[in-house]
Amino acid sequence: MHKNETEDIYESLPSLLLRATLPKSEEEYRELTASIFQQKTGVTVKQIHHTSHMLHWDNPEVVIREIRERW
């Protein structure tokens, strides 16, 4: 039987979703999808303020810190 990664596999992995907050016009959709992802997988979701889709370019220090804290 096919496994749905989000529902069947990811919940057993310690995961972190770093999400952007820009553009503000997309915030409602981002909150909804992040909430669904969090509920289905148990992942930790963190907003990285003042970042766009390329948050690792916009604020690399925060991304590095979050990775190092969990390594």
Protein backbone atom coordinates (compact mmCIF):
# COMPACT_ATOMS: atom_id res chain seq x y z
CA MET A 1 0.00 0.00 0.00
CA HIS A 2 1.23 3.49 -0.84
CA LYS A 3 2.47 5.55 2.07
CA ASN A 4 1.65 9.22 2.31
CA GLU A 5 4.90 10.79 3.49
CA THR A 6 3.25 13.57 5.47
CA GLU A 7 0.90 11.28 7.37
CA ASP A 8 2.85 8.02 7.56
CA ILE A 9 6.55 8.79 7.66
CA TYR A 10 7.34 12.36 8.74
CA GLU A 11 5.66 12.03 12.13
CA SER A 12 8.46 9.72 13.27
CA LEU A 13 11.22 12.16 12.28
CA PRO A 14 12.32 15.06 14.50
CA SER A 15 11.73 17.90 12.06
CA LEU A 16 11.75 21.67 12.07
CA LEU A 17 9.99 23.88 9.54
CA LEU A 18 11.45 27.36 9.28
CA ARG A 19 8.95 29.54 7.51
CA ALA A 20 9.04 32.99 5.99
CA THR A 21 6.80 35.92 6.90
CA LEU A 22 7.07 37.94 3.67
CA PRO A 23 5.21 38.92 1.60
CA LYS A 24 2.53 39.72 4.12
CA SER A 25 -0.17 39.11 1.51
CA GLU A 26 0.60 35.36 1.72
CA GLU A 27 0.61 35.13 5.52
CA GLU A 28 -2.91 33.72 5.90
CA TYR A 29 -2.13 30.87 3.49
CA ARG A 30 1.26 30.20 5.13
CA GLU A 31 -0.34 30.02 8.57
CA LEU A 32 -2.97 27.58 7.31
CA THR A 33 -0.55 25.24 5.54
CA ALA A 34 2.00 25.35 8.38
CA SER A 35 -0.75 24.54 10.87
CA ILE A 36 -1.94 21.56 8.83
CA PHE A 37 1.63 20.34 8.40
CA GLN A 38 2.25 20.71 12.14
CA GLN A 39 -0.95 18.84 13.05
CA LYS A 40 -0.28 15.97 10.65
CA THR A 41 3.40 15.50 11.45
CA GLY A 42 4.09 16.93 14.90
CA VAL A 43 6.85 19.05 13.39
CA THR A 44 8.02 22.22 15.11
CA VAL A 45 7.19 25.33 13.07
CA LYS A 46 9.14 28.56 13.57
CA GLN A 47 8.56 31.85 11.84
CA ILE A 48 11.68 33.65 10.69
CA HIS A 49 10.54 37.26 10.72
CA HIS A 50 11.36 39.65 7.88
CA THR A 51 12.24 36.83 5.48
CA SER A 52 10.90 35.73 2.12
CA HIS A 53 10.92 32.32 0.43
CA MET A 54 14.73 32.45 0.37
CA LEU A 55 14.95 32.83 4.14
CA HIS A 56 18.40 31.25 4.24
CA TRP A 57 19.59 34.18 2.11
CA ASP A 58 17.56 36.79 3.98
CA ASN A 59 18.71 35.72 7.45
CA PRO A 60 21.41 33.05 7.28
CA GLU A 61 22.47 33.53 10.90
CA VAL A 62 19.09 32.40 12.22
CA VAL A 63 19.03 29.37 9.93
CA ILE A 64 22.55 28.38 11.01
CA ARG A 65 21.66 28.81 14.68
CA GLU A 66 18.51 26.69 14.38
CA ILE A 67 20.43 23.89 12.65
CA ARG A 68 23.28 23.95 15.17
CA GLU A 69 20.88 23.82 18.11
CA ARG A 70 19.41 20.60 16.75
CA TRP A 71 22.51 18.87 15.35
